[in-house]
N, C-alpha and C. Protein backbone atom coordinates (compact mmCIF):
# COMPACT_ATOMS: atom_id res chain seq x y z
N MET A 1 47.22 16.38 58.07
CA MET A 1 47.18 17.70 58.66
C MET A 1 45.78 17.93 59.27
N SER A 2 45.74 18.58 60.39
CA SER A 2 44.46 18.80 61.06
C SER A 2 43.68 19.92 60.38
N LYS A 3 42.37 19.89 60.57
CA LYS A 3 41.49 20.90 59.96
C LYS A 3 40.28 21.11 60.86
N ALA A 4 39.59 22.19 60.62
CA ALA A 4 38.35 22.45 61.35
C ALA A 4 37.29 21.46 60.89
N LYS A 5 36.50 21.00 61.83
CA LYS A 5 35.40 20.10 61.48
C LYS A 5 34.35 20.89 60.68
N THR A 6 33.71 20.23 59.75
CA THR A 6 32.64 20.87 58.97
C THR A 6 31.37 20.92 59.81
N ALA A 7 30.42 21.75 59.39
CA ALA A 7 29.13 21.83 60.08
C ALA A 7 28.48 20.45 60.11
N GLY A 8 28.56 19.73 59.01
CA GLY A 8 27.98 18.39 58.96
C GLY A 8 28.64 17.43 59.94
N GLU A 9 29.95 17.51 60.06
CA GLU A 9 30.67 16.64 61.00
C GLU A 9 30.28 16.97 62.44
N VAL A 10 30.20 18.25 62.76
CA VAL A 10 29.83 18.66 64.11
C VAL A 10 28.39 18.23 64.41
N ARG A 11 27.50 18.45 63.46
CA ARG A 11 26.10 18.05 63.63
C ARG A 11 25.99 16.55 63.88
N GLU A 12 26.72 15.75 63.10
CA GLU A 12 26.65 14.30 63.26
C GLU A 12 27.19 13.87 64.62
N LYS A 13 28.28 14.49 65.08
CA LYS A 13 28.82 14.16 66.41
C LYS A 13 27.80 14.51 67.50
N PHE A 14 27.17 15.68 67.36
CA PHE A 14 26.17 16.13 68.32
C PHE A 14 25.00 15.14 68.36
N LEU A 15 24.46 14.82 67.18
CA LEU A 15 23.32 13.91 67.11
C LEU A 15 23.68 12.50 67.57
N ASP A 16 24.89 12.06 67.26
CA ASP A 16 25.34 10.74 67.71
C ASP A 16 25.41 10.70 69.23
N TYR A 17 25.88 11.80 69.83
CA TYR A 17 25.95 11.87 71.29
C TYR A 17 24.54 11.76 71.88
N VAL A 18 23.58 12.49 71.29
CA VAL A 18 22.20 12.43 71.78
C VAL A 18 21.63 11.02 71.60
N ARG A 19 21.91 10.40 70.47
CA ARG A 19 21.45 9.02 70.24
C ARG A 19 22.00 8.08 71.32
N ASN A 20 23.28 8.23 71.63
CA ASN A 20 23.89 7.39 72.66
C ASN A 20 23.29 7.67 74.04
N LEU A 21 22.95 8.92 74.31
CA LEU A 21 22.29 9.24 75.58
C LEU A 21 20.95 8.52 75.70
N THR A 22 20.19 8.47 74.62
CA THR A 22 18.89 7.80 74.68
C THR A 22 19.06 6.31 74.97
N VAL A 23 20.07 5.70 74.37
CA VAL A 23 20.35 4.29 74.63
C VAL A 23 20.76 4.10 76.09
N TYR A 24 21.65 4.97 76.58
CA TYR A 24 22.10 4.87 77.96
C TYR A 24 20.91 4.96 78.93
N TRP A 25 20.10 6.01 78.79
CA TRP A 25 19.02 6.22 79.74
C TRP A 25 17.92 5.17 79.62
N GLU A 26 17.74 4.59 78.46
CA GLU A 26 16.76 3.52 78.30
C GLU A 26 17.18 2.28 79.09
N LYS A 27 18.48 2.07 79.20
CA LYS A 27 19.00 0.88 79.89
C LYS A 27 19.09 1.03 81.40
N VAL A 28 18.96 2.23 81.93
CA VAL A 28 19.00 2.43 83.38
C VAL A 28 17.78 1.74 83.98
N SER A 29 18.03 0.80 84.88
CA SER A 29 16.92 -0.03 85.38
C SER A 29 16.43 0.36 86.77
N ASN A 30 17.19 1.14 87.50
CA ASN A 30 16.80 1.47 88.87
C ASN A 30 16.11 2.82 89.00
N LYS A 31 15.60 3.36 87.89
CA LYS A 31 14.92 4.66 87.89
C LYS A 31 13.54 4.50 87.24
N SER A 32 12.62 5.35 87.65
CA SER A 32 11.30 5.36 87.01
C SER A 32 11.42 5.97 85.62
N SER A 33 10.38 5.80 84.82
CA SER A 33 10.38 6.40 83.48
C SER A 33 10.58 7.91 83.58
N PHE A 34 9.90 8.55 84.52
CA PHE A 34 10.03 10.00 84.69
C PHE A 34 11.46 10.38 85.05
N GLU A 35 12.07 9.64 85.98
CA GLU A 35 13.45 9.94 86.37
C GLU A 35 14.42 9.76 85.20
N LYS A 36 14.16 8.77 84.37
CA LYS A 36 15.01 8.56 83.20
C LYS A 36 14.84 9.71 82.20
N LEU A 37 13.61 10.18 82.02
CA LEU A 37 13.40 11.33 81.14
C LEU A 37 14.08 12.57 81.69
N GLN A 38 14.02 12.76 83.01
CA GLN A 38 14.74 13.87 83.63
C GLN A 38 16.24 13.74 83.40
N GLY A 39 16.75 12.54 83.54
CA GLY A 39 18.17 12.30 83.32
C GLY A 39 18.58 12.59 81.89
N LEU A 40 17.76 12.18 80.94
CA LEU A 40 18.04 12.45 79.53
C LEU A 40 18.04 13.95 79.26
N ALA A 41 17.03 14.66 79.76
CA ALA A 41 16.96 16.11 79.56
C ALA A 41 18.19 16.79 80.18
N PHE A 42 18.55 16.40 81.40
CA PHE A 42 19.71 16.95 82.07
C PHE A 42 20.98 16.68 81.26
N SER A 43 21.13 15.47 80.77
CA SER A 43 22.32 15.10 80.00
C SER A 43 22.43 15.91 78.71
N ILE A 44 21.31 16.17 78.06
CA ILE A 44 21.33 16.99 76.85
C ILE A 44 21.73 18.43 77.18
N MET A 45 21.26 18.94 78.31
CA MET A 45 21.66 20.30 78.73
C MET A 45 23.16 20.35 79.02
N VAL A 46 23.70 19.30 79.65
CA VAL A 46 25.15 19.24 79.90
C VAL A 46 25.90 19.26 78.58
N LEU A 47 25.41 18.52 77.59
CA LEU A 47 26.03 18.53 76.26
C LEU A 47 26.03 19.94 75.69
N ILE A 48 24.89 20.62 75.72
CA ILE A 48 24.80 21.98 75.19
C ILE A 48 25.73 22.93 75.95
N ASP A 49 25.85 22.72 77.25
CA ASP A 49 26.70 23.58 78.08
C ASP A 49 28.19 23.36 77.86
N GLY A 50 28.56 22.30 77.18
CA GLY A 50 29.98 22.02 76.96
C GLY A 50 30.60 21.18 78.06
N GLY A 51 29.78 20.45 78.80
CA GLY A 51 30.27 19.63 79.89
C GLY A 51 30.63 18.21 79.49
N THR A 52 30.84 17.99 78.21
CA THR A 52 31.24 16.68 77.70
C THR A 52 32.54 16.86 76.94
N MET A 53 32.90 15.90 76.13
CA MET A 53 34.11 16.02 75.31
C MET A 53 33.88 16.93 74.10
N MET A 54 32.66 17.45 73.96
CA MET A 54 32.35 18.37 72.87
C MET A 54 32.31 19.79 73.42
N PRO A 55 32.45 20.80 72.56
CA PRO A 55 32.37 22.18 73.02
C PRO A 55 30.92 22.55 73.36
N GLY A 56 30.75 23.69 74.00
CA GLY A 56 29.40 24.20 74.26
C GLY A 56 28.76 24.69 72.97
N PHE A 57 27.44 24.76 72.99
CA PHE A 57 26.67 25.22 71.84
C PHE A 57 25.70 26.31 72.28
N ASP A 58 25.51 27.31 71.42
CA ASP A 58 24.52 28.35 71.70
C ASP A 58 23.15 27.91 71.19
N ILE A 59 22.13 28.26 71.95
CA ILE A 59 20.75 28.08 71.52
C ILE A 59 20.26 29.47 71.14
N VAL A 60 19.99 29.67 69.86
CA VAL A 60 19.64 30.98 69.34
C VAL A 60 18.19 30.99 68.87
N CYS A 61 17.45 31.98 69.30
CA CYS A 61 16.06 32.14 68.89
C CYS A 61 16.00 32.58 67.43
N ARG A 62 15.28 31.83 66.61
CA ARG A 62 15.13 32.13 65.18
C ARG A 62 13.65 32.03 64.79
N PRO A 63 12.85 33.05 65.12
CA PRO A 63 11.43 33.02 64.76
C PRO A 63 11.22 33.20 63.26
N HIS A 64 10.03 32.88 62.82
CA HIS A 64 9.64 33.11 61.42
C HIS A 64 9.76 34.61 61.14
N PRO A 65 10.20 35.00 59.95
CA PRO A 65 10.37 36.43 59.62
C PRO A 65 9.11 37.28 59.82
N ASP A 66 7.94 36.69 59.73
CA ASP A 66 6.69 37.45 59.88
C ASP A 66 6.19 37.52 61.32
N ASP A 67 6.84 36.82 62.24
CA ASP A 67 6.33 36.72 63.61
C ASP A 67 6.20 38.07 64.31
N GLU A 68 7.23 38.91 64.22
CA GLU A 68 7.19 40.17 64.96
C GLU A 68 5.99 41.02 64.53
N GLU A 69 5.81 41.18 63.24
CA GLU A 69 4.69 41.99 62.74
C GLU A 69 3.35 41.37 63.15
N TYR A 70 3.25 40.06 63.04
CA TYR A 70 2.01 39.37 63.42
C TYR A 70 1.69 39.62 64.89
N HIS A 71 2.68 39.45 65.75
CA HIS A 71 2.43 39.62 67.19
C HIS A 71 2.13 41.07 67.53
N LYS A 72 2.79 41.99 66.87
CA LYS A 72 2.46 43.41 67.10
C LYS A 72 1.01 43.67 66.73
N ASP A 73 0.57 43.14 65.59
CA ASP A 73 -0.82 43.30 65.16
C ASP A 73 -1.79 42.67 66.16
N GLN A 74 -1.37 41.58 66.79
CA GLN A 74 -2.22 40.88 67.77
C GLN A 74 -2.13 41.50 69.16
N GLY A 75 -1.16 42.39 69.36
CA GLY A 75 -0.95 42.98 70.68
C GLY A 75 -0.30 42.02 71.65
N THR A 76 0.47 41.06 71.11
CA THR A 76 1.14 40.07 71.96
C THR A 76 2.66 40.20 71.83
N ASP A 77 3.35 39.66 72.79
CA ASP A 77 4.82 39.69 72.78
C ASP A 77 5.35 38.70 71.76
N TRP A 78 6.52 39.00 71.22
CA TRP A 78 7.14 38.13 70.22
C TRP A 78 8.53 37.73 70.67
N TYR A 79 9.06 36.73 70.00
CA TYR A 79 10.42 36.26 70.25
C TYR A 79 11.36 37.05 69.34
N PRO A 80 12.34 37.75 69.93
CA PRO A 80 13.27 38.51 69.09
C PRO A 80 14.30 37.60 68.41
N ASP A 81 14.60 37.90 67.17
CA ASP A 81 15.56 37.11 66.40
C ASP A 81 16.97 37.30 66.95
N GLY A 82 17.70 36.23 67.04
CA GLY A 82 19.11 36.28 67.41
C GLY A 82 19.43 36.23 68.88
N VAL A 83 18.42 36.12 69.74
CA VAL A 83 18.67 36.08 71.17
C VAL A 83 19.26 34.72 71.55
N VAL A 84 20.40 34.75 72.22
CA VAL A 84 21.02 33.53 72.74
C VAL A 84 20.42 33.29 74.12
N ILE A 85 19.76 32.16 74.30
CA ILE A 85 19.05 31.92 75.56
C ILE A 85 19.88 31.17 76.60
N ASN A 86 21.07 30.74 76.23
CA ASN A 86 21.85 29.96 77.19
C ASN A 86 23.16 30.64 77.55
N LYS A 87 23.05 31.87 78.03
CA LYS A 87 24.23 32.55 78.56
C LYS A 87 24.36 32.18 80.04
N CYS A 88 24.10 30.93 80.32
CA CYS A 88 24.16 30.36 81.66
C CYS A 88 24.41 28.86 81.47
N GLN A 89 24.57 28.17 82.55
CA GLN A 89 24.69 26.72 82.51
C GLN A 89 23.28 26.14 82.57
N MET A 90 22.78 25.70 81.42
CA MET A 90 21.40 25.23 81.33
C MET A 90 21.11 24.05 82.26
N HIS A 91 22.08 23.16 82.42
CA HIS A 91 21.83 22.01 83.29
C HIS A 91 21.65 22.43 84.75
N GLU A 92 22.19 23.59 85.12
CA GLU A 92 22.05 24.07 86.49
C GLU A 92 20.70 24.74 86.73
N VAL A 93 20.08 25.27 85.69
CA VAL A 93 18.80 25.97 85.85
C VAL A 93 17.61 25.15 85.36
N LEU A 94 17.86 23.99 84.77
CA LEU A 94 16.80 23.17 84.18
C LEU A 94 15.67 22.89 85.17
N TRP A 95 16.00 22.44 86.34
CA TRP A 95 14.99 22.10 87.34
C TRP A 95 14.92 23.14 88.44
N GLY A 96 15.37 24.36 88.15
CA GLY A 96 15.29 25.44 89.12
C GLY A 96 16.31 25.33 90.23
N GLU A 97 17.38 24.63 89.95
CA GLU A 97 18.42 24.43 90.97
C GLU A 97 19.37 25.60 91.00
């Protein structure tokens, strides 16, 4: 009988996909090191966006619990807890495209 994947199973599939991407991009021979790094970054954004055989994933801001108070005391801006930063296709905006 089918069941929902556990958090551990999803995490392992995600990490395995990233591991495979690193192997793929390392083997590309007709690109410079910089182009391969760009390709790897782009591929990871596609993974997060859900453009692979896996679903999309949210990137959620989770600052340290003391950050807001610290930044207020410093007079600086802080990262708000719980903000989802990828309500867009990250691979499309990665390089300003």
